[in-house]
Amino acid sequence: MCTAATYKTKDFYLGRTLDYECSYGDQIVITPRNYAFNFRHVGDMKNHYAIIGMAHVAEDYPL
């Protein structure tokens, strides 16, 4: 079962766990604010908040 938590001050923070039985090569990833995400079906996202989380990284791209 996954768990989520939120924390709201003047900013908003969201945390969520992925409870899975085995690792799929994930690591801690820090994605800077406005890092360009190039999506296959919905175009590019060039403006967003910074992201700190867990991801699998392939060819320097967080999945």
PDB file of N, CA and C in Angstrom:
ATOM      1  N   MET A   1       0.842  -1.167   0.000  1.00  0.00           N
ATOM      2  CA  MET A   1       0.000   0.000   0.000  1.00  0.00           C
ATOM      3  C   MET A   1       0.889   1.233   0.000  1.00  0.00           C
ATOM      4  N   CYS A   2       0.600   2.182  -0.835  1.00  0.00           N
ATOM      5  CA  CYS A   2       1.356   3.432  -0.890  1.00  0.00           C
ATOM      6  C   CYS A   2       0.842   4.401   0.169  1.00  0.00           C
ATOM      7  N   THR A   3       1.718   5.290   0.611  1.00  0.00           N
ATOM      8  CA  THR A   3       1.381   6.280   1.620  1.00  0.00           C
ATOM      9  C   THR A   3       1.669   7.659   1.052  1.00  0.00           C
ATOM     10  N   ALA A   4       0.810   8.616   1.342  1.00  0.00           N
ATOM     11  CA  ALA A   4       1.033   9.988   0.885  1.00  0.00           C
ATOM     12  C   ALA A   4       0.899  10.934   2.078  1.00  0.00           C
ATOM     13  N   ALA A   5       1.654  12.039   2.044  1.00  0.00           N
ATOM     14  CA  ALA A   5       1.576  13.059   3.082  1.00  0.00           C
ATOM     15  C   ALA A   5       1.733  14.421   2.429  1.00  0.00           C
ATOM     16  N   THR A   6       1.018  15.408   2.950  1.00  0.00           N
ATOM     17  CA  THR A   6       1.151  16.770   2.451  1.00  0.00           C
ATOM     18  C   THR A   6       1.489  17.696   3.607  1.00  0.00           C
ATOM     19  N   TYR A   7       2.172  18.777   3.284  1.00  0.00           N
ATOM     20  CA  TYR A   7       2.549  19.778   4.266  1.00  0.00           C
ATOM     21  C   TYR A   7       2.361  21.140   3.613  1.00  0.00           C
ATOM     22  N   LYS A   8       1.508  21.968   4.209  1.00  0.00           N
ATOM     23  CA  LYS A   8       1.228  23.267   3.612  1.00  0.00           C
ATOM     24  C   LYS A   8       1.578  24.376   4.591  1.00  0.00           C
ATOM     25  N   THR A   9       2.466  25.250   4.144  1.00  0.00           N
ATOM     26  CA  THR A   9       2.771  26.499   4.843  1.00  0.00           C
ATOM     27  C   THR A   9       2.457  27.580   3.824  1.00  0.00           C
ATOM     28  N   LYS A  10       3.375  28.483   3.586  1.00  0.00           N
ATOM     29  CA  LYS A  10       3.184  29.392   2.459  1.00  0.00           C
ATOM     30  C   LYS A  10       3.445  28.669   1.134  1.00  0.00           C
ATOM     31  N   ASP A  11       4.091  27.504   1.213  1.00  0.00           N
ATOM     32  CA  ASP A  11       4.328  26.630   0.062  1.00  0.00           C
ATOM     33  C   ASP A  11       3.560  25.327   0.280  1.00  0.00           C
ATOM     34  N   PHE A  12       3.595  24.453  -0.706  1.00  0.00           N
ATOM     35  CA  PHE A  12       2.896  23.172  -0.612  1.00  0.00           C
ATOM     36  C   PHE A  12       3.881  22.060  -0.925  1.00  0.00           C
ATOM     37  N   TYR A  13       3.942  21.041  -0.068  1.00  0.00           N
ATOM     38  CA  TYR A  13       4.845  19.915  -0.258  1.00  0.00           C
ATOM     39  C   TYR A  13       4.036  18.622  -0.275  1.00  0.00           C
ATOM     40  N   LEU A  14       4.390  17.714  -1.152  1.00  0.00           N
ATOM     41  CA  LEU A  14       3.719  16.429  -1.250  1.00  0.00           C
ATOM     42  C   LEU A  14       4.766  15.328  -1.206  1.00  0.00           C
ATOM     43  N   GLY A  15       4.526  14.320  -0.411  1.00  0.00           N
ATOM     44  CA  GLY A  15       5.408  13.160  -0.354  1.00  0.00           C
ATOM     45  C   GLY A  15       4.592  11.903  -0.553  1.00  0.00           C
ATOM     46  N   ARG A  16       5.169  10.920  -1.218  1.00  0.00           N
ATOM     47  CA  ARG A  16       4.460   9.672  -1.453  1.00  0.00           C
ATOM     48  C   ARG A  16       5.453   8.528  -1.523  1.00  0.00           C
ATOM     49  N   THR A  17       5.070   7.378  -1.008  1.00  0.00           N
ATOM     50  CA  THR A  17       5.931   6.206  -1.065  1.00  0.00           C
ATOM     51  C   THR A  17       5.461   5.264  -2.159  1.00  0.00           C
ATOM     52  N   LEU A  18       6.372   4.475  -2.644  1.00  0.00           N
ATOM     53  CA  LEU A  18       6.050   3.406  -3.588  1.00  0.00           C
ATOM     54  C   LEU A  18       6.474   2.108  -2.916  1.00  0.00           C
ATOM     55  N   ASP A  19       5.532   1.446  -2.283  1.00  0.00           N
ATOM     56  CA  ASP A  19       5.818   0.202  -1.576  1.00  0.00           C
ATOM     57  C   ASP A  19       5.793  -0.949  -2.572  1.00  0.00           C
ATOM     58  N   TYR A  20       6.975  -1.361  -2.987  1.00  0.00           N
ATOM     59  CA  TYR A  20       7.100  -2.407  -3.989  1.00  0.00           C
ATOM     60  C   TYR A  20       8.089  -3.439  -3.484  1.00  0.00           C
ATOM     61  N   GLU A  21       7.948  -4.671  -3.874  1.00  0.00           N
ATOM     62  CA  GLU A  21       8.744  -5.755  -3.315  1.00  0.00           C
ATOM     63  C   GLU A  21      10.207  -5.761  -3.741  1.00  0.00           C
ATOM     64  N   CYS A  22      10.510  -5.210  -4.906  1.00  0.00           N
ATOM     65  CA  CYS A  22      11.895  -5.237  -5.378  1.00  0.00           C
ATOM     66  C   CYS A  22      12.263  -3.880  -5.973  1.00  0.00           C
ATOM     67  N   SER A  23      13.565  -3.623  -6.067  1.00  0.00           N
ATOM     68  CA  SER A  23      14.049  -2.368  -6.632  1.00  0.00           C
ATOM     69  C   SER A  23      14.078  -2.455  -8.151  1.00  0.00           C
ATOM     70  N   TYR A  24      13.801  -1.374  -8.799  1.00  0.00           N
ATOM     71  CA  TYR A  24      13.905  -1.323 -10.252  1.00  0.00           C
ATOM     72  C   TYR A  24      15.002  -0.352 -10.683  1.00  0.00           C
ATOM     73  N   GLY A  25      16.018  -0.199  -9.823  1.00  0.00           N
ATOM     74  CA  GLY A  25      17.158   0.653 -10.151  1.00  0.00           C
ATOM     75  C   GLY A  25      16.927   2.108  -9.819  1.00  0.00           C
ATOM     76  N   ASP A  26      16.051   2.381  -8.861  1.00  0.00           N
ATOM     77  CA  ASP A  26      15.729   3.760  -8.531  1.00  0.00           C
ATOM     78  C   ASP A  26      16.843   4.405  -7.718  1.00  0.00           C
ATOM     79  N   GLN A  27      16.890   5.725  -7.771  1.00  0.00           N
ATOM     80  CA  GLN A  27      17.867   6.501  -7.021  1.00  0.00           C
ATOM     81  C   GLN A  27      17.258   7.850  -6.697  1.00  0.00           C
ATOM     82  N   ILE A  28      17.871   8.573  -5.774  1.00  0.00           N
ATOM     83  CA  ILE A  28      17.396   9.916  -5.446  1.00  0.00           C
ATOM     84  C   ILE A  28      17.727  10.837  -6.614  1.00  0.00           C
ATOM     85  N   VAL A  29      16.720  11.591  -7.061  1.00  0.00           N
ATOM     86  CA  VAL A  29      16.882  12.474  -8.211  1.00  0.00           C
ATOM     87  C   VAL A  29      16.420  13.874  -7.834  1.00  0.00           C
ATOM     88  N   ILE A  30      17.232  14.869  -8.124  1.00  0.00           N
ATOM     89  CA  ILE A  30      16.859  16.272  -7.928  1.00  0.00           C
ATOM     90  C   ILE A  30      16.734  16.889  -9.312  1.00  0.00           C
ATOM     91  N   THR A  31      15.522  17.294  -9.649  1.00  0.00           N
ATOM     92  CA  THR A  31      15.255  17.909 -10.949  1.00  0.00           C
ATOM     93  C   THR A  31      15.099  19.411 -10.730  1.00  0.00           C
ATOM     94  N   PRO A  32      15.965  20.235 -11.299  1.00  0.00           N
ATOM     95  CA  PRO A  32      15.898  21.679 -11.067  1.00  0.00           C
ATOM     96  C   PRO A  32      14.616  22.299 -11.620  1.00  0.00           C
ATOM     97  N   ARG A  33      14.265  23.438 -11.060  1.00  0.00           N
ATOM     98  CA  ARG A  33      13.133  24.204 -11.572  1.00  0.00           C
ATOM     99  C   ARG A  33      13.359  24.502 -13.059  1.00  0.00           C
ATOM    100  N   ASN A  34      12.319  24.333 -13.842  1.00  0.00           N
ATOM    101  CA  ASN A  34      12.303  24.619 -15.285  1.00  0.00           C
ATOM    102  C   ASN A  34      13.239  23.740 -16.114  1.00  0.00           C
ATOM    103  N   TYR A  35      13.602  22.562 -15.591  1.00  0.00           N
ATOM    104  CA  TYR A  35      14.309  21.567 -16.408  1.00  0.00           C
ATOM    105  C   TYR A  35      13.357  21.151 -17.526  1.00  0.00           C
ATOM    106  N   ALA A  36      13.804  21.143 -18.751  1.00  0.00           N
ATOM    107  CA  ALA A  36      12.915  20.866 -19.890  1.00  0.00           C
ATOM    108  C   ALA A  36      12.586  19.379 -19.979  1.00  0.00           C
ATOM    109  N   PHE A  37      11.311  19.039 -19.762  1.00  0.00           N
ATOM    110  CA  PHE A  37      10.828  17.680 -19.975  1.00  0.00           C
ATOM    111  C   PHE A  37      10.281  17.596 -21.394  1.00  0.00           C
ATOM    112  N   ASN A  38      10.757  16.638 -22.165  1.00  0.00           N
ATOM    113  CA  ASN A  38      10.290  16.444 -23.530  1.00  0.00           C
ATOM    114  C   ASN A  38       9.460  15.171 -23.585  1.00  0.00           C
ATOM    115  N   PHE A  39       8.140  15.335 -23.635  1.00  0.00           N
ATOM    116  CA  PHE A  39       7.227  14.198 -23.639  1.00  0.00           C
ATOM    117  C   PHE A  39       6.900  13.782 -25.064  1.00  0.00           C
ATOM    118  N   ARG A  40       6.674  12.519 -25.247  1.00  0.00           N
ATOM    119  CA  ARG A  40       6.415  11.971 -26.574  1.00  0.00           C
ATOM    120  C   ARG A  40       5.054  12.381 -27.136  1.00  0.00           C
ATOM    121  N   HIS A  41       4.016  12.357 -26.292  1.00  0.00           N
ATOM    122  CA  HIS A  41       2.660  12.555 -26.799  1.00  0.00           C
ATOM    123  C   HIS A  41       2.030  13.902 -26.444  1.00  0.00           C
ATOM    124  N   VAL A  42       2.570  14.621 -25.477  1.00  0.00           N
ATOM    125  CA  VAL A  42       1.929  15.869 -25.052  1.00  0.00           C
ATOM    126  C   VAL A  42       2.830  17.099 -25.196  1.00  0.00           C
ATOM    127  N   GLY A  43       3.927  16.972 -25.882  1.00  0.00           N
ATOM    128  CA  GLY A  43       4.801  18.120 -26.096  1.00  0.00           C
ATOM    129  C   GLY A  43       5.765  18.350 -24.944  1.00  0.00           C
ATOM    130  N   ASP A  44       6.365  19.530 -24.926  1.00  0.00           N
ATOM    131  CA  ASP A  44       7.387  19.866 -23.941  1.00  0.00           C
ATOM    132  C   ASP A  44       6.796  20.602 -22.746  1.00  0.00           C
ATOM    133  N   MET A  45       7.404  20.409 -21.576  1.00  0.00           N
ATOM    134  CA  MET A  45       7.059  21.185 -20.392  1.00  0.00           C
ATOM    135  C   MET A  45       8.335  21.906 -19.976  1.00  0.00           C
ATOM    136  N   LYS A  46       8.341  23.211 -20.108  1.00  0.00           N
ATOM    137  CA  LYS A  46       9.540  23.994 -19.828  1.00  0.00           C
ATOM    138  C   LYS A  46       9.449  24.779 -18.528  1.00  0.00           C
ATOM    139  N   ASN A  47       8.258  24.890 -17.940  1.00  0.00           N
ATOM    140  CA  ASN A  47       8.082  25.644 -16.696  1.00  0.00           C
ATOM    141  C   ASN A  47       7.428  24.760 -15.648  1.00  0.00           C
ATOM    142  N   HIS A  48       8.127  24.539 -14.529  1.00  0.00           N
ATOM    143  CA  HIS A  48       7.582  23.760 -13.415  1.00  0.00           C
ATOM    144  C   HIS A  48       8.453  23.992 -12.196  1.00  0.00           C
ATOM    145  N   TYR A  49       7.947  23.553 -11.044  1.00  0.00           N
ATOM    146  CA  TYR A  49       8.697  23.651  -9.800  1.00  0.00           C
ATOM    147  C   TYR A  49       9.835  22.633  -9.784  1.00  0.00           C
ATOM    148  N   ALA A  50      10.783  22.826  -8.886  1.00  0.00           N
ATOM    149  CA  ALA A  50      11.847  21.844  -8.677  1.00  0.00           C
ATOM    150  C   ALA A  50      11.233  20.583  -8.076  1.00  0.00           C
ATOM    151  N   ILE A  51      11.853  19.431  -8.350  1.00  0.00           N
ATOM    152  CA  ILE A  51      11.339  18.153  -7.886  1.00  0.00           C
ATOM    153  C   ILE A  51      12.472  17.381  -7.214  1.00  0.00           C
ATOM    154  N   ILE A  52      12.212  16.855  -6.020  1.00  0.00           N
ATOM    155  CA  ILE A  52      13.139  15.948  -5.343  1.00  0.00           C
ATOM    156  C   ILE A  52      12.376  14.653  -5.121  1.00  0.00           C
ATOM    157  N   GLY A  53      12.924  13.552  -5.606  1.00  0.00           N
ATOM    158  CA  GLY A  53      12.205  12.297  -5.447  1.00  0.00           C
ATOM    159  C   GLY A  53      13.051  11.110  -5.851  1.00  0.00           C
ATOM    160  N   MET A  54      12.385   9.993  -6.054  1.00  0.00           N
ATOM    161  CA  MET A  54      13.024   8.756  -6.473  1.00  0.00           C
ATOM    162  C   MET A  54      12.631   8.489  -7.920  1.00  0.00           C
ATOM    163  N   ALA A  55      13.592   8.050  -8.723  1.00  0.00           N
ATOM    164  CA  ALA A  55      13.306   7.750 -10.122  1.00  0.00           C
ATOM    165  C   ALA A  55      14.364   6.796 -10.659  1.00  0.00           C
ATOM    166  N   HIS A  56      14.021   6.146 -11.723  1.00  0.00           N
ATOM    167  CA  HIS A  56      14.996   5.389 -12.507  1.00  0.00           C
ATOM    168  C   HIS A  56      15.509   6.360 -13.565  1.00  0.00           C
ATOM    169  N   VAL A  57      16.812   6.428 -13.753  1.00  0.00           N
ATOM    170  CA  VAL A  57      17.408   7.364 -14.710  1.00  0.00           C
ATOM    171  C   VAL A  57      17.960   6.584 -15.888  1.00  0.00           C
ATOM    172  N   ALA A  58      17.533   6.947 -17.096  1.00  0.00           N
ATOM    173  CA  ALA A  58      18.026   6.318 -18.315  1.00  0.00           C
ATOM    174  C   ALA A  58      18.506   7.416 -19.256  1.00  0.00           C
ATOM    175  N   GLU A  59      19.780   7.351 -19.645  1.00  0.00           N
ATOM    176  CA  GLU A  59      20.387   8.339 -20.540  1.00  0.00           C
ATOM    177  C   GLU A  59      20.194   9.761 -20.022  1.00  0.00           C
ATOM    178  N   ASP A  60      20.483   9.980 -18.727  1.00  0.00           N
ATOM    179  CA  ASP A  60      20.388  11.275 -18.044  1.00  0.00           C
ATOM    180  C   ASP A  60      18.973  11.842 -18.032  1.00  0.00           C
ATOM    181  N   TYR A  61      17.963  11.000 -18.158  1.00  0.00           N
ATOM    182  CA  TYR A  61      16.572  11.457 -18.140  1.00  0.00           C
ATOM    183  C   TYR A  61      15.823  10.687 -17.051  1.00  0.00           C
ATOM    184  N   PRO A  62      15.235  11.413 -16.077  1.00  0.00           N
ATOM    185  CA  PRO A  62      14.525  10.729 -14.989  1.00  0.00           C
ATOM    186  C   PRO A  62      13.207  10.141 -15.486  1.00  0.00           C
ATOM    187  N   LEU A  63      13.000   8.858 -15.249  1.00  0.00           N
ATOM    188  CA  LEU A  63      11.757   8.208 -15.685  1.00  0.00           C
ATOM    189  C   LEU A  63      10.811   8.050 -14.507  1.00  0.00           C
TER     190      LEU A  63
END
